[in-house]
C-alpha atoms as a PDB file:
ATOM      1  CA  MET A   1     -29.647 -69.774   6.698  1.00  0.00           C
ATOM      2  CA  LYS A   2     -28.174 -67.382   9.212  1.00  0.00           C
ATOM      3  CA  ARG A   3     -27.286 -63.837   8.181  1.00  0.00           C
ATOM      4  CA  ASN A   4     -23.663 -62.809   8.584  1.00  0.00           C
ATOM      5  CA  LYS A   5     -22.275 -59.472   9.776  1.00  0.00           C
ATOM      6  CA  TYR A   6     -21.945 -58.213   6.207  1.00  0.00           C
ATOM      7  CA  ASN A   7     -25.655 -58.792   5.503  1.00  0.00           C
ATOM      8  CA  VAL A   8     -26.618 -56.907   8.668  1.00  0.00           C
ATOM      9  CA  PHE A   9     -24.149 -54.099   7.807  1.00  0.00           C
ATOM     10  CA  ALA A  10     -25.604 -53.841   4.284  1.00  0.00           C
ATOM     11  CA  ASP A  11     -29.144 -53.546   5.630  1.00  0.00           C
ATOM     12  CA  ILE A  12     -28.107 -50.875   8.129  1.00  0.00           C
ATOM     13  CA  VAL A  13     -26.341 -48.876   5.388  1.00  0.00           C
ATOM     14  CA  CYS A  14     -29.416 -49.134   3.162  1.00  0.00           C
ATOM     15  CA  LEU A  15     -31.788 -48.092   5.947  1.00  0.00           C
ATOM     16  CA  VAL A  16     -29.589 -45.125   6.912  1.00  0.00           C
ATOM     17  CA  LEU A  17     -29.419 -44.007   3.268  1.00  0.00           C
ATOM     18  CA  LEU A  18     -33.165 -44.401   2.724  1.00  0.00           C
ATOM     19  CA  MET A  19     -34.053 -42.606   5.950  1.00  0.00           C
ATOM     20  CA  GLY A  20     -31.432 -39.951   5.230  1.00  0.00           C
ATOM     21  CA  VAL A  21     -32.876 -39.102   1.825  1.00  0.00           C
ATOM     22  CA  ILE A  22     -36.377 -38.878   3.301  1.00  0.00           C
ATOM     23  CA  ILE A  23     -35.101 -36.520   6.014  1.00  0.00           C
ATOM     24  CA  TYR A  24     -33.197 -34.510   3.389  1.00  0.00           C
ATOM     25  CA  LEU A  25     -36.355 -34.074   1.289  1.00  0.00           C
ATOM     26  CA  PHE A  26     -38.412 -33.153   4.341  1.00  0.00           C
ATOM     27  CA  VAL A  27     -35.911 -30.528   5.500  1.00  0.00           C
ATOM     28  CA  ALA A  28     -35.202 -29.120   2.019  1.00  0.00           C
ATOM     29  CA  TRP A  29     -38.775 -29.284   0.683  1.00  0.00           C
ATOM     30  CA  GLY A  30     -39.556 -25.594   1.117  1.00  0.00           C
ATOM     31  CA  SER A  31     -36.427 -24.493  -0.723  1.00  0.00           C
ATOM     32  CA  LEU A  32     -36.718 -26.949  -3.617  1.00  0.00           C
ATOM     33  CA  PRO A  33     -37.648 -25.504  -7.004  1.00  0.00           C
ATOM     34  CA  ASP A  34     -41.168 -26.173  -8.306  1.00  0.00           C
ATOM     35  CA  LYS A  35     -39.722 -27.896 -11.396  1.00  0.00           C
ATOM     36  CA  VAL A  36     -36.946 -30.462 -11.064  1.00  0.00           C
ATOM     37  CA  PRO A  37     -35.413 -32.911 -13.538  1.00  0.00           C
ATOM     38  CA  GLY A  38     -37.868 -35.717 -14.151  1.00  0.00           C
ATOM     39  CA  HIS A  39     -35.658 -37.726 -16.496  1.00  0.00           C
ATOM     40  CA  TYR A  40     -32.102 -37.854 -17.756  1.00  0.00           C
ATOM     41  CA  ASN A  41     -30.813 -39.269 -21.037  1.00  0.00           C
ATOM     42  CA  ALA A  42     -27.839 -41.666 -21.225  1.00  0.00           C
ATOM     43  CA  ALA A  43     -25.430 -38.706 -21.410  1.00  0.00           C
ATOM     44  CA  GLY A  44     -26.816 -37.389 -18.108  1.00  0.00           C
ATOM     45  CA  GLU A  45     -28.560 -34.412 -19.692  1.00  0.00           C
ATOM     46  CA  ILE A  46     -31.953 -33.390 -18.387  1.00  0.00           C
ATOM     47  CA  ASP A  47     -34.545 -34.266 -21.016  1.00  0.00           C
ATOM     48  CA  ARG A  48     -37.723 -33.736 -18.993  1.00  0.00           C
ATOM     49  CA  MET A  49     -38.663 -31.472 -16.122  1.00  0.00           C
ATOM     50  CA  GLY A  50     -41.376 -32.366 -13.659  1.00  0.00           C
ATOM     51  CA  SER A  51     -42.962 -31.350 -10.400  1.00  0.00           C
ATOM     52  CA  ARG A  52     -40.885 -31.512  -7.248  1.00  0.00           C
ATOM     53  CA  TYR A  53     -43.372 -34.144  -6.041  1.00  0.00           C
ATOM     54  CA  GLU A  54     -41.717 -36.485  -8.532  1.00  0.00           C
ATOM     55  CA  LEU A  55     -38.702 -36.467  -6.202  1.00  0.00           C
ATOM     56  CA  LEU A  56     -40.737 -38.771  -3.960  1.00  0.00           C
ATOM     57  CA  ILE A  57     -40.781 -41.487  -6.621  1.00  0.00           C
ATOM     58  CA  THR A  58     -37.127 -42.524  -6.325  1.00  0.00           C
ATOM     59  CA  PRO A  59     -37.154 -42.972  -2.525  1.00  0.00           C
ATOM     60  CA  ILE A  60     -40.397 -44.941  -2.798  1.00  0.00           C
ATOM     61  CA  VAL A  61     -38.902 -47.182  -5.493  1.00  0.00           C
ATOM     62  CA  GLY A  62     -35.753 -47.469  -3.363  1.00  0.00           C
ATOM     63  CA  TRP A  63     -37.809 -48.636  -0.381  1.00  0.00           C
ATOM     64  CA  LEU A  64     -39.704 -51.133  -2.551  1.00  0.00           C
ATOM     65  CA  MET A  65     -36.456 -52.498  -3.963  1.00  0.00           C
ATOM     66  CA  PHE A  66     -34.936 -52.756  -0.483  1.00  0.00           C
ATOM     67  CA  LEU A  67     -37.973 -54.600   0.866  1.00  0.00           C
ATOM     68  CA  GLY A  68     -38.255 -56.839  -2.204  1.00  0.00           C
ATOM     69  CA  MET A  69     -34.579 -57.777  -2.234  1.00  0.00           C
ATOM     70  CA  SER A  70     -34.652 -58.353   1.532  1.00  0.00           C
ATOM     71  CA  ALA A  71     -37.580 -60.739   1.083  1.00  0.00           C
ATOM     72  CA  VAL A  72     -35.817 -62.613  -1.727  1.00  0.00           C
ATOM     73  CA  GLU A  73     -32.694 -62.959   0.476  1.00  0.00           C
ATOM     74  CA  ARG A  74     -34.727 -64.939   2.993  1.00  0.00           C
ATOM     75  CA  PHE A  75     -35.741 -67.702   0.561  1.00  0.00           C
ATOM     76  CA  PRO A  76     -32.598 -69.237  -0.941  1.00  0.00           C
ATOM     77  CA  GLN A  77     -34.579 -72.166  -2.331  1.00  0.00           C
ATOM     78  CA  ILE A  78     -36.105 -69.843  -4.975  1.00  0.00           C
ATOM     79  CA  TRP A  79     -32.728 -68.544  -6.203  1.00  0.00           C
ATOM     80  CA  ASN A  80     -31.433 -69.601  -9.590  1.00  0.00           C
ATOM     81  CA  THR A  81     -27.853 -70.177  -8.517  1.00  0.00           C
ATOM     82  CA  GLY A  82     -26.359 -71.160 -11.865  1.00  0.00           C
ATOM     83  CA  VAL A  83     -24.589 -74.084 -10.183  1.00  0.00           C
ATOM     84  CA  THR A  84     -25.838 -77.387  -8.853  1.00  0.00           C
ATOM     85  CA  VAL A  85     -26.643 -77.056  -5.175  1.00  0.00           C
ATOM     86  CA  THR A  86     -25.842 -80.126  -3.094  1.00  0.00           C
ATOM     87  CA  GLU A  87     -25.951 -80.756   0.635  1.00  0.00           C
ATOM     88  CA  GLU A  88     -22.160 -80.359   0.714  1.00  0.00           C
ATOM     89  CA  ASN A  89     -22.021 -76.958  -1.024  1.00  0.00           C
ATOM     90  CA  LYS A  90     -25.410 -75.530  -0.104  1.00  0.00           C
ATOM     91  CA  GLU A  91     -24.141 -73.310   2.720  1.00  0.00           C
ATOM     92  CA  ARG A  92     -21.252 -71.892   0.662  1.00  0.00           C
ATOM     93  CA  VAL A  93     -23.344 -71.277  -2.460  1.00  0.00           C
ATOM     94  CA  TYR A  94     -26.158 -69.600  -0.560  1.00  0.00           C
ATOM     95  CA  ARG A  95     -23.686 -67.435   1.373  1.00  0.00           C
ATOM     96  CA  VAL A  96     -22.120 -66.128  -1.861  1.00  0.00           C
ATOM     97  CA  ILE A  97     -25.502 -65.335  -3.380  1.00  0.00           C
ATOM     98  CA  ARG A  98     -26.810 -63.694  -0.214  1.00  0.00           C
ATOM     99  CA  ASN A  99     -23.687 -61.507  -0.091  1.00  0.00           C
ATOM    100  CA  MET A 100     -24.184 -60.653  -3.762  1.00  0.00           C
ATOM    101  CA  LEU A 101     -27.762 -59.587  -3.078  1.00  0.00           C
ATOM    102  CA  SER A 102     -26.641 -57.475  -0.116  1.00  0.00           C
ATOM    103  CA  THR A 103     -23.985 -55.771  -2.235  1.00  0.00           C
ATOM    104  CA  LEU A 104     -26.414 -55.101  -5.080  1.00  0.00           C
ATOM    105  CA  LYS A 105     -28.905 -53.740  -2.569  1.00  0.00           C
ATOM    106  CA  ILE A 106     -26.376 -51.176  -1.321  1.00  0.00           C
ATOM    107  CA  ILE A 107     -25.450 -50.168  -4.871  1.00  0.00           C
ATOM    108  CA  MET A 108     -29.069 -49.757  -5.951  1.00  0.00           C
ATOM    109  CA  ILE A 109     -29.987 -47.711  -2.882  1.00  0.00           C
ATOM    110  CA  LEU A 110     -26.908 -45.517  -3.351  1.00  0.00           C
ATOM    111  CA  ILE A 111     -27.945 -44.878  -6.945  1.00  0.00           C
ATOM    112  CA  PHE A 112     -31.513 -43.964  -5.998  1.00  0.00           C
ATOM    113  CA  VAL A 113     -30.344 -41.672  -3.194  1.00  0.00           C
ATOM    114  CA  PHE A 114     -27.846 -39.992  -5.520  1.00  0.00           C
ATOM    115  CA  LEU A 115     -30.510 -39.508  -8.204  1.00  0.00           C
ATOM    116  CA  THR A 116     -32.918 -37.997  -5.684  1.00  0.00           C
ATOM    117  CA  ILE A 117     -30.401 -35.516  -4.342  1.00  0.00           C
ATOM    118  CA  ASN A 118     -29.030 -34.669  -7.787  1.00  0.00           C
ATOM    119  CA  SER A 119     -32.534 -34.060  -9.120  1.00  0.00           C
ATOM    120  CA  SER A 120     -33.414 -31.901  -6.123  1.00  0.00           C
ATOM    121  CA  LEU A 121     -30.447 -29.705  -7.041  1.00  0.00           C
ATOM    122  CA  SER A 122     -31.735 -29.470 -10.648  1.00  0.00           C
ATOM    123  CA  THR A 123     -28.380 -30.359 -12.125  1.00  0.00           C
ATOM    124  CA  PRO A 124     -27.478 -32.689 -14.988  1.00  0.00           C
ATOM    125  CA  LEU A 125     -25.936 -35.995 -14.015  1.00  0.00           C
ATOM    126  CA  PRO A 126     -22.141 -35.994 -13.931  1.00  0.00           C
ATOM    127  CA  VAL A 127     -20.450 -37.550 -16.956  1.00  0.00           C
ATOM    128  CA  TRP A 128     -19.095 -40.353 -14.766  1.00  0.00           C
ATOM    129  CA  PHE A 129     -22.516 -41.449 -13.463  1.00  0.00           C
ATOM    130  CA  THR A 130     -23.681 -43.844 -16.205  1.00  0.00           C
ATOM    131  CA  PRO A 131     -20.356 -45.682 -16.711  1.00  0.00           C
ATOM    132  CA  THR A 132     -19.853 -45.930 -12.951  1.00  0.00           C
ATOM    133  CA  TYR A 133     -23.368 -47.304 -12.451  1.00  0.00           C
ATOM    134  CA  ILE A 134     -22.855 -49.927 -15.175  1.00  0.00           C
ATOM    135  CA  ILE A 135     -19.407 -50.921 -13.885  1.00  0.00           C
ATOM    136  CA  LEU A 136     -20.670 -51.233 -10.300  1.00  0.00           C
ATOM    137  CA  ILE A 137     -23.637 -53.425 -11.224  1.00  0.00           C
ATOM    138  CA  PHE A 138     -21.931 -55.674 -13.768  1.00  0.00           C
ATOM    139  CA  GLY A 139     -18.626 -55.730 -11.875  1.00  0.00           C
ATOM    140  CA  THR A 140     -20.441 -56.935  -8.773  1.00  0.00           C
ATOM    141  CA  LEU A 141     -22.272 -59.616 -10.753  1.00  0.00           C
ATOM    142  CA  ILE A 142     -19.065 -60.827 -12.407  1.00  0.00           C
ATOM    143  CA  LEU A 143     -17.155 -60.862  -9.108  1.00  0.00           C
ATOM    144  CA  PHE A 144     -19.812 -62.908  -7.356  1.00  0.00           C
ATOM    145  CA  ILE A 145     -20.305 -65.281 -10.291  1.00  0.00           C
ATOM    146  CA  ILE A 146     -16.560 -66.009 -10.156  1.00  0.00           C
ATOM    147  CA  ARG A 147     -16.835 -66.603  -6.396  1.00  0.00           C
ATOM    148  CA  LEU A 148     -19.844 -68.842  -6.960  1.00  0.00           C
ATOM    149  CA  ILE A 149     -17.999 -70.965  -9.500  1.00  0.00           C
ATOM    150  CA  LYS A 150     -15.075 -71.329  -7.085  1.00  0.00           C
ATOM    151  CA  VAL A 151     -17.220 -72.522  -4.159  1.00  0.00           C
ATOM    152  CA  LYS A 152     -19.368 -74.991  -6.057  1.00  0.00           C
END
């Protein structure tokens, strides 16, 4: 299945964000504190401090997620679509799911980049972070499930 402009745009956004956070860490490394937040609780409060080297974990996980989700996008036959895929609807169903994966990819990368930068600043997470994260993920899933039901 051919990728559309949105899928290409999503990949470019993700790559720019991932490269940007790596460049940010490289440039800021010398001025980062030795101890940075290593974990936050659900309220966004810092509940564990760790070495600044732990800041490398989130970009690495972000890259792995980007690569993994990009690989999954390329094999629509392995997707559990939730609807019966026929020859007549195959293109429409796969397009909706591929767009959903691209959107989720952007959201996940944005979250990992935000967490990396926020941790490098040694600040608690803003009060809006957790509800926004949940709304973005589940809102996206609900939106695309509705679209999927409509195109089946």
